[in-house]
Amino acid sequence: MAVTLEQLVERFAHHTVAQTEAIFRGDAKTGNKHARQRVAAFKKLRTFGDAGRDALASLFAHPNVDVRTMAATYLLRHRTKEAVAVLEEAARGQGLIAFEAGQALERWKEGAWALDPE
């Protein structure tokens, strides 16, 4: 059975949340497992080309700031203006997610970002 874009987007969001929860519990092994699953979902989305990337952009409106931030981090090249806006908003917050958003923006500005090369 073929996996839909919506299912892949949901997997990306689910594993993002699960990774963060594991990190806050101090469970790096489980966190890393979820990170690998999130990356796998993104790689499958990329096989759909820009349609897959556009589907992931729907997470820019997700109620969870971590999910919004992670999607924006992956979509900096494809949806630069929108992704930067999501990351800048998150970076104004407090804690780990704000730090990660700021780091993503710095890597982007330095030209060191490479999550979704052309």
C-alpha atoms as a PDB file:
ATOM      1  CA  MET A   1       0.000   0.000   0.000  1.00  0.00           C
ATOM      2  CA  ALA A   2       1.394   3.371  -1.028  1.00  0.00           C
ATOM      3  CA  VAL A   3       2.004   5.986   1.625  1.00  0.00           C
ATOM      4  CA  THR A   4       0.281   9.326   1.052  1.00  0.00           C
ATOM      5  CA  LEU A   5       1.818  12.752   1.425  1.00  0.00           C
ATOM      6  CA  GLU A   6      -0.495  13.396   4.358  1.00  0.00           C
ATOM      7  CA  GLN A   7       0.691  10.238   6.125  1.00  0.00           C
ATOM      8  CA  LEU A   8       4.331  11.228   5.620  1.00  0.00           C
ATOM      9  CA  VAL A   9       3.659  14.720   6.965  1.00  0.00           C
ATOM     10  CA  GLU A  10       1.938  13.183  10.004  1.00  0.00           C
ATOM     11  CA  ARG A  11       4.924  10.868  10.555  1.00  0.00           C
ATOM     12  CA  PHE A  12       7.283  13.835  10.399  1.00  0.00           C
ATOM     13  CA  ALA A  13       5.210  15.692  13.011  1.00  0.00           C
ATOM     14  CA  HIS A  14       4.759  12.631  15.242  1.00  0.00           C
ATOM     15  CA  HIS A  15       8.459  11.786  15.325  1.00  0.00           C
ATOM     16  CA  THR A  16       9.413  15.417  15.930  1.00  0.00           C
ATOM     17  CA  VAL A  17       7.205  15.543  19.035  1.00  0.00           C
ATOM     18  CA  ALA A  18       8.327  12.084  20.185  1.00  0.00           C
ATOM     19  CA  GLN A  19      12.003  13.029  19.835  1.00  0.00           C
ATOM     20  CA  THR A  20      11.554  16.167  21.928  1.00  0.00           C
ATOM     21  CA  GLU A  21       9.662  14.250  24.602  1.00  0.00           C
ATOM     22  CA  ALA A  22      12.427  11.638  24.741  1.00  0.00           C
ATOM     23  CA  ILE A  23      15.117  14.329  25.011  1.00  0.00           C
ATOM     24  CA  PHE A  24      13.305  15.973  27.923  1.00  0.00           C
ATOM     25  CA  ARG A  25      13.084  12.564  29.632  1.00  0.00           C
ATOM     26  CA  GLY A  26      16.845  12.133  29.156  1.00  0.00           C
ATOM     27  CA  ASP A  27      16.333   9.195  26.767  1.00  0.00           C
ATOM     28  CA  ALA A  28      18.788   9.919  23.974  1.00  0.00           C
ATOM     29  CA  LYS A  29      18.487   6.439  22.451  1.00  0.00           C
ATOM     30  CA  THR A  30      14.746   6.804  21.907  1.00  0.00           C
ATOM     31  CA  GLY A  31      15.202  10.421  20.805  1.00  0.00           C
ATOM     32  CA  ASN A  32      17.701   9.344  18.163  1.00  0.00           C
ATOM     33  CA  LYS A  33      15.316   6.631  16.945  1.00  0.00           C
ATOM     34  CA  HIS A  34      12.597   9.235  16.428  1.00  0.00           C
ATOM     35  CA  ALA A  35      15.039  11.612  14.741  1.00  0.00           C
ATOM     36  CA  ARG A  36      15.939   8.885  12.233  1.00  0.00           C
ATOM     37  CA  GLN A  37      12.240   8.254  11.586  1.00  0.00           C
ATOM     38  CA  ARG A  38      11.633  11.970  11.004  1.00  0.00           C
ATOM     39  CA  VAL A  39      14.530  12.101   8.530  1.00  0.00           C
ATOM     40  CA  ALA A  40      13.173   9.010   6.785  1.00  0.00           C
ATOM     41  CA  ALA A  41       9.750  10.657   6.432  1.00  0.00           C
ATOM     42  CA  PHE A  42      11.378  13.763   4.952  1.00  0.00           C
ATOM     43  CA  LYS A  43      13.423  11.704   2.497  1.00  0.00           C
ATOM     44  CA  LYS A  44      10.234   9.995   1.315  1.00  0.00           C
ATOM     45  CA  LEU A  45       8.512  13.378   0.983  1.00  0.00           C
ATOM     46  CA  ARG A  46      11.432  14.531  -1.183  1.00  0.00           C
ATOM     47  CA  THR A  47      10.761  11.668  -3.609  1.00  0.00           C
ATOM     48  CA  PHE A  48       7.557  13.563  -4.503  1.00  0.00           C
ATOM     49  CA  GLY A  49       9.638  16.630  -5.405  1.00  0.00           C
ATOM     50  CA  ASP A  50       8.220  20.042  -4.600  1.00  0.00           C
ATOM     51  CA  ALA A  51       4.772  18.531  -3.990  1.00  0.00           C
ATOM     52  CA  GLY A  52       6.253  16.680  -1.013  1.00  0.00           C
ATOM     53  CA  ARG A  53       7.978  19.811   0.237  1.00  0.00           C
ATOM     54  CA  ASP A  54       4.768  21.823  -0.163  1.00  0.00           C
ATOM     55  CA  ALA A  55       2.875  19.184   1.825  1.00  0.00           C
ATOM     56  CA  LEU A  56       5.427  19.516   4.652  1.00  0.00           C
ATOM     57  CA  ALA A  57       4.939  23.291   4.595  1.00  0.00           C
ATOM     58  CA  SER A  58       1.425  22.685   5.925  1.00  0.00           C
ATOM     59  CA  LEU A  59       3.152  22.142   9.287  1.00  0.00           C
ATOM     60  CA  PHE A  60       4.054  25.852   9.415  1.00  0.00           C
ATOM     61  CA  ALA A  61       0.602  26.247  10.988  1.00  0.00           C
ATOM     62  CA  HIS A  62       0.881  23.259  13.368  1.00  0.00           C
ATOM     63  CA  PRO A  63      -0.133  24.037  16.972  1.00  0.00           C
ATOM     64  CA  ASN A  64       3.178  22.628  18.298  1.00  0.00           C
ATOM     65  CA  VAL A  65       6.040  25.130  17.982  1.00  0.00           C
ATOM     66  CA  ASP A  66       8.590  22.318  17.776  1.00  0.00           C
ATOM     67  CA  VAL A  67       6.826  20.826  14.752  1.00  0.00           C
ATOM     68  CA  ARG A  68       6.553  24.239  13.063  1.00  0.00           C
ATOM     69  CA  THR A  69      10.210  24.952  13.726  1.00  0.00           C
ATOM     70  CA  MET A  70      11.435  21.571  12.498  1.00  0.00           C
ATOM     71  CA  ALA A  71       9.411  21.809   9.278  1.00  0.00           C
ATOM     72  CA  ALA A  72      10.752  25.329   8.698  1.00  0.00           C
ATOM     73  CA  THR A  73      14.303  24.140   9.300  1.00  0.00           C
ATOM     74  CA  TYR A  74      13.934  21.491   6.605  1.00  0.00           C
ATOM     75  CA  LEU A  75      12.231  23.868   4.162  1.00  0.00           C
ATOM     76  CA  LEU A  76      14.591  26.857   4.285  1.00  0.00           C
ATOM     77  CA  ARG A  77      15.700  26.406   0.675  1.00  0.00           C
ATOM     78  CA  HIS A  78      12.271  25.626  -0.778  1.00  0.00           C
ATOM     79  CA  ARG A  79      10.109  28.101   1.163  1.00  0.00           C
ATOM     80  CA  THR A  80      12.733  30.568   2.366  1.00  0.00           C
ATOM     81  CA  LYS A  81      10.579  33.574   3.270  1.00  0.00           C
ATOM     82  CA  GLU A  82       7.939  31.554   5.139  1.00  0.00           C
ATOM     83  CA  ALA A  83      10.494  29.299   6.842  1.00  0.00           C
ATOM     84  CA  VAL A  84      12.594  32.232   8.040  1.00  0.00           C
ATOM     85  CA  ALA A  85       9.474  33.889   9.474  1.00  0.00           C
ATOM     86  CA  VAL A  86       8.556  30.708  11.399  1.00  0.00           C
ATOM     87  CA  LEU A  87      12.108  30.346  12.713  1.00  0.00           C
ATOM     88  CA  GLU A  88      12.408  34.007  13.698  1.00  0.00           C
ATOM     89  CA  GLU A  89       9.167  33.782  15.661  1.00  0.00           C
ATOM     90  CA  ALA A  90      10.326  30.607  17.444  1.00  0.00           C
ATOM     91  CA  ALA A  91      13.773  32.091  18.145  1.00  0.00           C
ATOM     92  CA  ARG A  92      12.148  34.907  20.126  1.00  0.00           C
ATOM     93  CA  GLY A  93      10.875  32.348  22.638  1.00  0.00           C
ATOM     94  CA  GLN A  94      12.642  30.572  25.482  1.00  0.00           C
ATOM     95  CA  GLY A  95      14.304  27.203  25.854  1.00  0.00           C
ATOM     96  CA  LEU A  96      15.628  24.506  23.569  1.00  0.00           C
ATOM     97  CA  ILE A  97      13.299  25.120  20.630  1.00  0.00           C
ATOM     98  CA  ALA A  98      14.136  28.834  20.554  1.00  0.00           C
ATOM     99  CA  PHE A  99      17.838  27.973  20.645  1.00  0.00           C
ATOM    100  CA  GLU A 100      17.463  25.429  17.824  1.00  0.00           C
ATOM    101  CA  ALA A 101      15.527  27.932  15.694  1.00  0.00           C
ATOM    102  CA  GLY A 102      18.262  30.520  16.198  1.00  0.00           C
ATOM    103  CA  GLN A 103      20.931  27.989  15.282  1.00  0.00           C
ATOM    104  CA  ALA A 104      19.069  27.007  12.103  1.00  0.00           C
ATOM    105  CA  LEU A 105      18.883  30.669  11.075  1.00  0.00           C
ATOM    106  CA  GLU A 106      22.598  31.155  11.761  1.00  0.00           C
ATOM    107  CA  ARG A 107      23.560  28.078   9.703  1.00  0.00           C
ATOM    108  CA  TRP A 108      21.308  29.346   6.887  1.00  0.00           C
ATOM    109  CA  LYS A 109      22.910  32.817   6.906  1.00  0.00           C
ATOM    110  CA  GLU A 110      26.411  31.294   6.992  1.00  0.00           C
ATOM    111  CA  GLY A 111      25.632  29.109   3.997  1.00  0.00           C
ATOM    112  CA  ALA A 112      26.283  25.964   6.060  1.00  0.00           C
ATOM    113  CA  TRP A 113      22.673  24.676   5.952  1.00  0.00           C
ATOM    114  CA  ALA A 114      22.263  21.480   3.907  1.00  0.00           C
ATOM    115  CA  LEU A 115      19.161  19.549   4.995  1.00  0.00           C
ATOM    116  CA  ASP A 116      17.574  19.666   1.537  1.00  0.00           C
ATOM    117  CA  PRO A 117      20.167  20.440  -1.126  1.00  0.00           C
ATOM    118  CA  GLU A 118      18.986  21.181  -4.648  1.00  0.00           C
END
